[in-house]
C-alpha atoms as a PDB file:
ATOM      1  CA  MET A   1      -1.541  73.296  25.663  1.00  0.00           C
ATOM      2  CA  GLN A   2      -0.824  71.769  29.052  1.00  0.00           C
ATOM      3  CA  LEU A   3      -2.481  68.435  28.271  1.00  0.00           C
ATOM      4  CA  GLN A   4      -1.314  67.846  24.716  1.00  0.00           C
ATOM      5  CA  GLY A   5      -1.321  64.127  23.926  1.00  0.00           C
ATOM      6  CA  LYS A   6      -3.122  63.158  27.134  1.00  0.00           C
ATOM      7  CA  VAL A   7      -6.342  61.141  27.394  1.00  0.00           C
ATOM      8  CA  ALA A   8      -8.931  62.055  29.990  1.00  0.00           C
ATOM      9  CA  LEU A   9     -12.084  60.390  31.308  1.00  0.00           C
ATOM     10  CA  VAL A  10     -14.617  62.618  33.085  1.00  0.00           C
ATOM     11  CA  THR A  11     -17.681  61.130  34.777  1.00  0.00           C
ATOM     12  CA  GLY A  12     -20.821  63.109  35.437  1.00  0.00           C
ATOM     13  CA  ALA A  13     -19.837  65.218  32.466  1.00  0.00           C
ATOM     14  CA  GLY A  14     -23.311  66.067  31.251  1.00  0.00           C
ATOM     15  CA  SER A  15     -23.360  69.395  33.051  1.00  0.00           C
ATOM     16  CA  GLY A  16     -21.797  71.469  35.798  1.00  0.00           C
ATOM     17  CA  ILE A  17     -18.296  70.725  37.069  1.00  0.00           C
ATOM     18  CA  GLY A  18     -17.873  67.630  34.928  1.00  0.00           C
ATOM     19  CA  LYS A  19     -18.741  69.458  31.738  1.00  0.00           C
ATOM     20  CA  GLY A  20     -16.519  72.371  32.759  1.00  0.00           C
ATOM     21  CA  ALA A  21     -13.587  70.015  33.302  1.00  0.00           C
ATOM     22  CA  ALA A  22     -14.136  68.325  29.956  1.00  0.00           C
ATOM     23  CA  MET A  23     -14.198  71.642  28.109  1.00  0.00           C
ATOM     24  CA  ILE A  24     -11.030  73.013  29.707  1.00  0.00           C
ATOM     25  CA  PHE A  25      -9.219  69.729  29.108  1.00  0.00           C
ATOM     26  CA  ALA A  26     -10.170  69.970  25.425  1.00  0.00           C
ATOM     27  CA  GLN A  27      -8.893  73.523  25.252  1.00  0.00           C
ATOM     28  CA  GLU A  28      -5.597  72.346  26.672  1.00  0.00           C
ATOM     29  CA  GLY A  29      -5.098  69.623  24.055  1.00  0.00           C
ATOM     30  CA  ALA A  30      -6.449  66.452  25.653  1.00  0.00           C
ATOM     31  CA  LYS A  31      -8.621  63.804  24.099  1.00  0.00           C
ATOM     32  CA  VAL A  32     -11.699  63.640  26.296  1.00  0.00           C
ATOM     33  CA  ALA A  33     -14.120  60.846  27.074  1.00  0.00           C
ATOM     34  CA  VAL A  34     -17.264  62.230  28.696  1.00  0.00           C
ATOM     35  CA  LEU A  35     -19.544  59.883  30.632  1.00  0.00           C
ATOM     36  CA  SER A  36     -23.081  60.230  31.963  1.00  0.00           C
ATOM     37  CA  ARG A  37     -26.235  58.186  32.437  1.00  0.00           C
ATOM     38  CA  THR A  38     -28.130  60.446  30.015  1.00  0.00           C
ATOM     39  CA  ALA A  39     -27.293  59.729  26.391  1.00  0.00           C
ATOM     40  CA  ALA A  40     -28.761  62.872  24.797  1.00  0.00           C
ATOM     41  CA  GLN A  41     -27.026  65.130  27.297  1.00  0.00           C
ATOM     42  CA  ILE A  42     -23.614  63.518  27.017  1.00  0.00           C
ATOM     43  CA  ASN A  43     -23.751  63.420  23.215  1.00  0.00           C
ATOM     44  CA  GLN A  44     -24.355  67.166  23.241  1.00  0.00           C
ATOM     45  CA  VAL A  45     -21.327  67.726  25.484  1.00  0.00           C
ATOM     46  CA  ALA A  46     -19.167  65.561  23.215  1.00  0.00           C
ATOM     47  CA  ASP A  47     -20.263  67.702  20.248  1.00  0.00           C
ATOM     48  CA  GLU A  48     -19.289  70.829  22.131  1.00  0.00           C
ATOM     49  CA  VAL A  49     -15.872  69.381  22.920  1.00  0.00           C
ATOM     50  CA  LYS A  50     -15.367  68.507  19.261  1.00  0.00           C
ATOM     51  CA  ALA A  51     -16.333  72.056  18.312  1.00  0.00           C
ATOM     52  CA  LEU A  52     -13.227  73.177  20.192  1.00  0.00           C
ATOM     53  CA  GLY A  53     -11.109  71.096  17.827  1.00  0.00           C
ATOM     54  CA  ALA A  54     -10.484  68.244  20.260  1.00  0.00           C
ATOM     55  CA  GLU A  55     -11.226  64.547  19.977  1.00  0.00           C
ATOM     56  CA  ALA A  56     -14.174  63.453  22.108  1.00  0.00           C
ATOM     57  CA  MET A  57     -16.041  60.289  22.990  1.00  0.00           C
ATOM     58  CA  ALA A  58     -19.496  60.104  24.543  1.00  0.00           C
ATOM     59  CA  ILE A  59     -20.124  57.165  26.862  1.00  0.00           C
ATOM     60  CA  THR A  60     -23.458  56.347  28.433  1.00  0.00           C
ATOM     61  CA  ALA A  61     -23.004  54.396  31.656  1.00  0.00           C
ATOM     62  CA  ASP A  62     -24.068  54.125  35.274  1.00  0.00           C
ATOM     63  CA  VAL A  63     -21.048  54.704  37.527  1.00  0.00           C
ATOM     64  CA  SER A  64     -22.515  52.367  40.166  1.00  0.00           C
ATOM     65  CA  ALA A  65     -22.589  49.396  37.761  1.00  0.00           C
ATOM     66  CA  PRO A  66     -19.281  47.464  37.704  1.00  0.00           C
ATOM     67  CA  ASP A  67     -19.742  45.902  34.271  1.00  0.00           C
ATOM     68  CA  GLN A  68     -20.659  49.228  32.690  1.00  0.00           C
ATOM     69  CA  MET A  69     -17.695  51.074  34.192  1.00  0.00           C
ATOM     70  CA  GLU A  70     -15.222  48.365  33.286  1.00  0.00           C
ATOM     71  CA  ALA A  71     -16.509  48.451  29.722  1.00  0.00           C
ATOM     72  CA  ALA A  72     -16.425  52.270  29.645  1.00  0.00           C
ATOM     73  CA  VAL A  73     -12.771  52.448  30.629  1.00  0.00           C
ATOM     74  CA  GLN A  74     -11.883  49.717  28.154  1.00  0.00           C
ATOM     75  CA  GLN A  75     -13.699  51.625  25.408  1.00  0.00           C
ATOM     76  CA  VAL A  76     -11.477  54.657  26.043  1.00  0.00           C
ATOM     77  CA  VAL A  77      -8.263  52.610  26.018  1.00  0.00           C
ATOM     78  CA  ASP A  78      -9.285  50.648  22.917  1.00  0.00           C
ATOM     79  CA  ALA A  79      -9.910  53.870  21.035  1.00  0.00           C
ATOM     80  CA  TRP A  80      -6.941  55.971  22.178  1.00  0.00           C
ATOM     81  CA  GLY A  81      -4.417  53.485  23.554  1.00  0.00           C
ATOM     82  CA  ARG A  82      -3.936  55.033  26.978  1.00  0.00           C
ATOM     83  CA  LEU A  83      -5.522  56.816  29.914  1.00  0.00           C
ATOM     84  CA  ASP A  84      -3.778  59.653  31.760  1.00  0.00           C
ATOM     85  CA  ILE A  85      -6.426  61.632  33.652  1.00  0.00           C
ATOM     86  CA  VAL A  86      -9.562  60.568  35.501  1.00  0.00           C
ATOM     87  CA  VAL A  87     -12.063  62.953  37.037  1.00  0.00           C
ATOM     88  CA  ALA A  88     -14.447  61.040  39.318  1.00  0.00           C
ATOM     89  CA  ASN A  89     -17.138  63.674  39.412  1.00  0.00           C
ATOM     90  CA  ALA A  90     -20.460  61.820  39.031  1.00  0.00           C
ATOM     91  CA  GLY A  91     -22.641  62.378  42.046  1.00  0.00           C
ATOM     92  CA  VAL A  92     -26.052  63.220  43.408  1.00  0.00           C
ATOM     93  CA  ASN A  93     -27.331  65.199  46.371  1.00  0.00           C
ATOM     94  CA  GLY A  94     -29.956  62.519  46.887  1.00  0.00           C
ATOM     95  CA  VAL A  95     -32.483  62.756  49.676  1.00  0.00           C
ATOM     96  CA  TRP A  96     -31.928  65.305  52.460  1.00  0.00           C
ATOM     97  CA  ALA A  97     -34.082  64.301  55.405  1.00  0.00           C
ATOM     98  CA  SER A  98     -33.938  63.517  59.123  1.00  0.00           C
ATOM     99  CA  LEU A  99     -32.636  60.091  60.106  1.00  0.00           C
ATOM    100  CA  GLU A 100     -36.146  58.977  60.928  1.00  0.00           C
ATOM    101  CA  GLU A 101     -37.351  59.959  57.456  1.00  0.00           C
ATOM    102  CA  LEU A 102     -34.270  58.781  55.538  1.00  0.00           C
ATOM    103  CA  THR A 103     -34.924  55.260  54.237  1.00  0.00           C
ATOM    104  CA  PRO A 104     -32.283  52.553  53.728  1.00  0.00           C
ATOM    105  CA  ASP A 105     -33.015  52.785  49.997  1.00  0.00           C
ATOM    106  CA  ASP A 106     -32.390  56.556  50.046  1.00  0.00           C
ATOM    107  CA  TRP A 107     -29.054  55.927  51.768  1.00  0.00           C
ATOM    108  CA  ASP A 108     -28.031  53.171  49.337  1.00  0.00           C
ATOM    109  CA  LYS A 109     -28.842  55.211  46.222  1.00  0.00           C
ATOM    110  CA  THR A 110     -26.676  58.119  47.378  1.00  0.00           C
ATOM    111  CA  LEU A 111     -23.736  55.984  48.511  1.00  0.00           C
ATOM    112  CA  ASP A 112     -23.915  53.793  45.400  1.00  0.00           C
ATOM    113  CA  ILE A 113     -23.458  56.709  43.035  1.00  0.00           C
ATOM    114  CA  ASN A 114     -21.212  58.980  45.072  1.00  0.00           C
ATOM    115  CA  LEU A 115     -18.907  56.466  46.751  1.00  0.00           C
ATOM    116  CA  LYS A 116     -19.203  53.151  44.937  1.00  0.00           C
ATOM    117  CA  GLY A 117     -19.176  55.087  41.667  1.00  0.00           C
ATOM    118  CA  THR A 118     -15.888  56.734  42.631  1.00  0.00           C
ATOM    119  CA  PHE A 119     -14.423  53.370  43.615  1.00  0.00           C
ATOM    120  CA  LEU A 120     -15.423  51.698  40.361  1.00  0.00           C
ATOM    121  CA  THR A 121     -14.281  54.609  38.179  1.00  0.00           C
ATOM    122  CA  VAL A 122     -10.802  54.604  39.724  1.00  0.00           C
ATOM    123  CA  LYS A 123     -10.542  50.835  40.134  1.00  0.00           C
ATOM    124  CA  TYR A 124     -10.957  50.087  36.446  1.00  0.00           C
ATOM    125  CA  ALA A 125      -8.748  53.018  35.390  1.00  0.00           C
ATOM    126  CA  VAL A 126      -5.802  52.054  37.604  1.00  0.00           C
ATOM    127  CA  PRO A 127      -4.223  49.352  35.416  1.00  0.00           C
ATOM    128  CA  HIS A 128      -4.034  51.826  32.534  1.00  0.00           C
ATOM    129  CA  LEU A 129      -2.883  54.792  34.631  1.00  0.00           C
ATOM    130  CA  LYS A 130      -0.031  52.719  36.083  1.00  0.00           C
ATOM    131  CA  LYS A 131       1.499  52.194  32.619  1.00  0.00           C
ATOM    132  CA  GLN A 132       2.761  55.760  32.347  1.00  0.00           C
ATOM    133  CA  GLY A 133       1.567  57.558  35.477  1.00  0.00           C
ATOM    134  CA  GLY A 134      -1.312  59.947  35.630  1.00  0.00           C
ATOM    135  CA  SER A 135      -3.680  62.003  37.720  1.00  0.00           C
ATOM    136  CA  VAL A 136      -6.975  61.200  39.436  1.00  0.00           C
ATOM    137  CA  ILE A 137      -9.184  64.026  40.697  1.00  0.00           C
ATOM    138  CA  VAL A 138     -12.044  63.050  43.021  1.00  0.00           C
ATOM    139  CA  VAL A 139     -14.805  65.630  43.333  1.00  0.00           C
ATOM    140  CA  SER A 140     -15.991  65.672  46.938  1.00  0.00           C
ATOM    141  CA  SER A 141     -17.625  68.588  48.760  1.00  0.00           C
ATOM    142  CA  VAL A 142     -17.328  70.921  51.715  1.00  0.00           C
ATOM    143  CA  ASN A 143     -20.178  68.856  53.202  1.00  0.00           C
ATOM    144  CA  GLY A 144     -18.786  66.031  55.264  1.00  0.00           C
ATOM    145  CA  THR A 145     -15.202  67.308  55.034  1.00  0.00           C
ATOM    146  CA  ARG A 146     -15.244  70.760  56.636  1.00  0.00           C
ATOM    147  CA  MET A 147     -18.907  71.685  56.907  1.00  0.00           C
ATOM    148  CA  PHE A 148     -21.620  69.891  58.901  1.00  0.00           C
ATOM    149  CA  SER A 149     -24.382  72.468  59.170  1.00  0.00           C
ATOM    150  CA  ASN A 150     -26.610  71.204  56.320  1.00  0.00           C
ATOM    151  CA  THR A 151     -29.018  69.288  58.532  1.00  0.00           C
ATOM    152  CA  GLY A 152     -30.512  66.304  56.756  1.00  0.00           C
ATOM    153  CA  ALA A 153     -27.671  65.834  54.283  1.00  0.00           C
ATOM    154  CA  THR A 154     -26.335  62.876  56.237  1.00  0.00           C
ATOM    155  CA  ALA A 155     -26.088  60.342  53.422  1.00  0.00           C
ATOM    156  CA  TYR A 156     -24.549  62.930  51.093  1.00  0.00           C
ATOM    157  CA  ALA A 157     -22.047  64.171  53.690  1.00  0.00           C
ATOM    158  CA  CYS A 158     -20.999  60.649  54.623  1.00  0.00           C
ATOM    159  CA  SER A 159     -20.390  59.776  50.975  1.00  0.00           C
ATOM    160  CA  LYS A 160     -18.254  62.903  50.545  1.00  0.00           C
ATOM    161  CA  ALA A 161     -16.240  62.261  53.727  1.00  0.00           C
ATOM    162  CA  ALA A 162     -15.585  58.720  52.508  1.00  0.00           C
ATOM    163  CA  GLN A 163     -14.370  60.029  49.143  1.00  0.00           C
ATOM    164  CA  LEU A 164     -11.715  62.008  50.974  1.00  0.00           C
ATOM    165  CA  ALA A 165     -10.561  58.921  52.893  1.00  0.00           C
ATOM    166  CA  PHE A 166     -10.554  56.972  49.624  1.00  0.00           C
ATOM    167  CA  THR A 167      -8.354  59.651  48.041  1.00  0.00           C
ATOM    168  CA  LYS A 168      -5.728  59.438  50.776  1.00  0.00           C
ATOM    169  CA  MET A 169      -5.644  55.629  50.842  1.00  0.00           C
ATOM    170  CA  VAL A 170      -5.348  55.285  47.091  1.00  0.00           C
ATOM    171  CA  ALA A 171      -2.821  58.132  46.762  1.00  0.00           C
ATOM    172  CA  LEU A 172      -0.341  56.213  48.923  1.00  0.00           C
ATOM    173  CA  GLU A 173      -1.067  52.915  47.210  1.00  0.00           C
ATOM    174  CA  LEU A 174      -0.422  54.349  43.728  1.00  0.00           C
ATOM    175  CA  ALA A 175       2.379  56.803  44.475  1.00  0.00           C
ATOM    176  CA  HIS A 176       5.215  54.513  43.383  1.00  0.00           C
ATOM    177  CA  HIS A 177       3.441  54.093  40.065  1.00  0.00           C
ATOM    178  CA  LYS A 178       3.546  57.888  39.559  1.00  0.00           C
ATOM    179  CA  VAL A 179      -0.229  58.112  39.778  1.00  0.00           C
ATOM    180  CA  ARG A 180      -1.332  61.146  41.737  1.00  0.00           C
ATOM    181  CA  VAL A 181      -4.723  61.160  43.487  1.00  0.00           C
ATOM    182  CA  ASN A 182      -6.191  64.368  44.865  1.00  0.00           C
ATOM    183  CA  CYS A 183      -9.592  65.567  46.014  1.00  0.00           C
ATOM    184  CA  ILE A 184     -11.361  68.867  45.467  1.00  0.00           C
ATOM    185  CA  CYS A 185     -14.087  70.017  47.848  1.00  0.00           C
ATOM    186  CA  PRO A 186     -16.304  72.644  46.207  1.00  0.00           C
ATOM    187  CA  GLY A 187     -18.698  74.771  48.238  1.00  0.00           C
ATOM    188  CA  TRP A 188     -21.653  76.596  46.744  1.00  0.00           C
ATOM    189  CA  ILE A 189     -21.019  76.495  42.997  1.00  0.00           C
ATOM    190  CA  SER A 190     -23.532  77.620  40.412  1.00  0.00           C
ATOM    191  CA  THR A 191     -24.558  74.240  38.879  1.00  0.00           C
ATOM    192  CA  GLU A 192     -27.765  72.247  38.375  1.00  0.00           C
ATOM    193  CA  ILE A 193     -27.179  69.682  41.154  1.00  0.00           C
ATOM    194  CA  GLY A 194     -29.457  71.475  43.605  1.00  0.00           C
ATOM    195  CA  GLU A 195     -32.390  70.994  41.268  1.00  0.00           C
ATOM    196  CA  ASN A 196     -32.141  67.234  41.769  1.00  0.00           C
ATOM    197  CA  THR A 197     -32.175  67.323  45.573  1.00  0.00           C
ATOM    198  CA  ASP A 198     -35.105  65.706  47.351  1.00  0.00           C
ATOM    199  CA  ARG A 199     -35.439  67.937  50.437  1.00  0.00           C
ATOM    200  CA  ARG A 200     -37.850  66.666  53.040  1.00  0.00           C
ATOM    201  CA  GLU A 201     -38.954  68.419  56.195  1.00  0.00           C
ATOM    202  CA  VAL A 202     -35.915  68.783  58.499  1.00  0.00           C
ATOM    203  CA  GLU A 203     -35.521  70.858  61.646  1.00  0.00           C
ATOM    204  CA  ARG A 204     -32.884  73.525  61.000  1.00  0.00           C
ATOM    205  CA  TRP A 205     -31.103  75.842  63.381  1.00  0.00           C
ATOM    206  CA  PRO A 206     -31.605  79.500  62.473  1.00  0.00           C
ATOM    207  CA  VAL A 207     -28.270  81.042  61.514  1.00  0.00           C
ATOM    208  CA  HIS A 208     -27.503  84.553  60.283  1.00  0.00           C
ATOM    209  CA  TYR A 209     -24.290  84.996  58.307  1.00  0.00           C
ATOM    210  CA  PRO A 210     -22.582  88.387  58.115  1.00  0.00           C
ATOM    211  CA  LYS A 211     -22.819  89.774  54.577  1.00  0.00           C
ATOM    212  CA  GLY A 212     -23.758  86.430  53.053  1.00  0.00           C
ATOM    213  CA  ALA A 213     -22.656  82.823  53.484  1.00  0.00           C
ATOM    214  CA  VAL A 214     -19.615  83.102  51.148  1.00  0.00           C
ATOM    215  CA  PRO A 215     -17.201  85.636  52.658  1.00  0.00           C
ATOM    216  CA  LEU A 216     -14.893  86.031  49.665  1.00  0.00           C
ATOM    217  CA  THR A 217     -17.721  86.965  47.299  1.00  0.00           C
ATOM    218  CA  HIS A 218     -20.114  88.652  49.724  1.00  0.00           C
ATOM    219  CA  GLY A 219     -22.589  85.808  49.403  1.00  0.00           C
ATOM    220  CA  LYS A 220     -22.368  84.935  45.720  1.00  0.00           C
ATOM    221  CA  PRO A 221     -21.686  81.351  44.549  1.00  0.00           C
ATOM    222  CA  GLY A 222     -18.497  80.281  42.823  1.00  0.00           C
ATOM    223  CA  SER A 223     -18.514  79.358  39.131  1.00  0.00           C
ATOM    224  CA  VAL A 224     -17.849  76.153  37.235  1.00  0.00           C
ATOM    225  CA  ALA A 225     -15.035  77.985  35.428  1.00  0.00           C
ATOM    226  CA  GLN A 226     -13.257  78.575  38.744  1.00  0.00           C
ATOM    227  CA  VAL A 227     -13.536  74.916  39.711  1.00  0.00           C
ATOM    228  CA  SER A 228     -12.385  73.860  36.245  1.00  0.00           C
ATOM    229  CA  GLN A 229      -9.169  75.840  36.666  1.00  0.00           C
ATOM    230  CA  LEU A 230      -8.421  73.882  39.856  1.00  0.00           C
ATOM    231  CA  VAL A 231      -9.167  70.575  38.142  1.00  0.00           C
ATOM    232  CA  LEU A 232      -6.845  71.555  35.266  1.00  0.00           C
ATOM    233  CA  PHE A 233      -4.065  72.391  37.724  1.00  0.00           C
ATOM    234  CA  LEU A 234      -4.367  68.984  39.412  1.00  0.00           C
ATOM    235  CA  ALA A 235      -4.524  67.189  36.045  1.00  0.00           C
ATOM    236  CA  SER A 236      -1.447  68.956  34.695  1.00  0.00           C
ATOM    237  CA  ASP A 237       2.268  68.641  35.405  1.00  0.00           C
ATOM    238  CA  ALA A 238       2.027  71.931  37.319  1.00  0.00           C
ATOM    239  CA  SER A 239       0.898  69.844  40.310  1.00  0.00           C
ATOM    240  CA  SER A 240       3.440  67.046  39.782  1.00  0.00           C
ATOM    241  CA  HIS A 241       4.448  66.892  43.480  1.00  0.00           C
ATOM    242  CA  ILE A 242       0.921  66.987  44.914  1.00  0.00           C
ATOM    243  CA  THR A 243      -0.932  63.806  45.902  1.00  0.00           C
ATOM    244  CA  GLY A 244      -3.249  62.698  48.655  1.00  0.00           C
ATOM    245  CA  THR A 245      -4.356  66.267  49.188  1.00  0.00           C
ATOM    246  CA  GLU A 246      -7.764  67.866  49.604  1.00  0.00           C
ATOM    247  CA  MET A 247      -8.395  71.353  48.295  1.00  0.00           C
ATOM    248  CA  TRP A 248     -11.447  73.378  49.299  1.00  0.00           C
ATOM    249  CA  ILE A 249     -12.774  75.813  46.731  1.00  0.00           C
ATOM    250  CA  ASP A 250     -15.585  77.625  48.449  1.00  0.00           C
ATOM    251  CA  GLY A 251     -14.675  81.275  48.958  1.00  0.00           C
ATOM    252  CA  GLY A 252     -14.358  80.671  52.695  1.00  0.00           C
ATOM    253  CA  GLN A 253     -17.915  79.343  53.007  1.00  0.00           C
ATOM    254  CA  SER A 254     -16.992  76.281  55.057  1.00  0.00           C
ATOM    255  CA  LEU A 255     -14.943  78.382  57.511  1.00  0.00           C
ATOM    256  CA  LEU A 256     -18.056  80.397  58.290  1.00  0.00           C
ATOM    257  CA  GLN A 257     -20.616  77.596  58.188  1.00  0.00           C
ATOM    258  CA  GLY A 258     -18.638  74.686  59.604  1.00  0.00           C
END
C-alpha cells in the first residue's frame, strides 16, 4: 500500500489514463478525487474506485474554468483535510488541420483545456501541496516533445510542449517545499482520445516503418495499465529524488517517428 493515507486528485479521470491512475491509486491505499466534465461518466468511475474499498469523490468541473477548479480543489481539502498527489491529465486532441484550415477558435479550445487546464489544476493545488510536500504528474505526449511527424496536430503539439516547459519551471519553484513535479509523455496508448479527434484534410508525407510504428511491441499500442504503473511510481516515495523530469512511455515510437 504505497499511498496509504494520501489524498489524490486526478483530472480527466472519466476514462483512459486518468481512470487508470485513479484505480491504481485506490489499490495502493489513497483517497481519490476523480474529476471530469461529464457527470455520469465520472460518477461511474467513483463507484468503481469505491468497489476497490477506497474512498472516492466524483467532481464535475471544466479544467479551463478558474472558479470551477478552485472550488474543486477546495472540495477535496474540505472533505479530506489535505492534498498529496495531483495528476493533471485532462486533455483533448482537438482539431488536427493545416494552419490555413485551423481556426483561432480551434487553437484556443485546445490550448484552454490542455495548457490552461494544467495551469489551473496545479495553481489551486499548490497551497495545499506545500503544507506537507507532494507529487504533481503532468500528462503530456510524445507529440511536441520528441515527435513532430503528425502533420496537422500543431495546436495539440504546442500545448504538449508547453506542458513540459511548465513542469520544469514549476518543479524548481516548488522544490524547497518538497513538492515534486514531473511529466510523462505517452505515445500510442490504447485509449478513447482518438475517437474525439477532429481530423481535417492535411497533406501527409508517406512513411513506411519497419515492422510497425512501435519498435518494442512490433507495432502494437501500449496499455493504460503500463502508463498507470509509471504514474504510481512518480506519485510514490519510490521517486522521492525525481523532479522536473520528463519520461517517455512509448515503446520507442518517438525514436522512430521523430
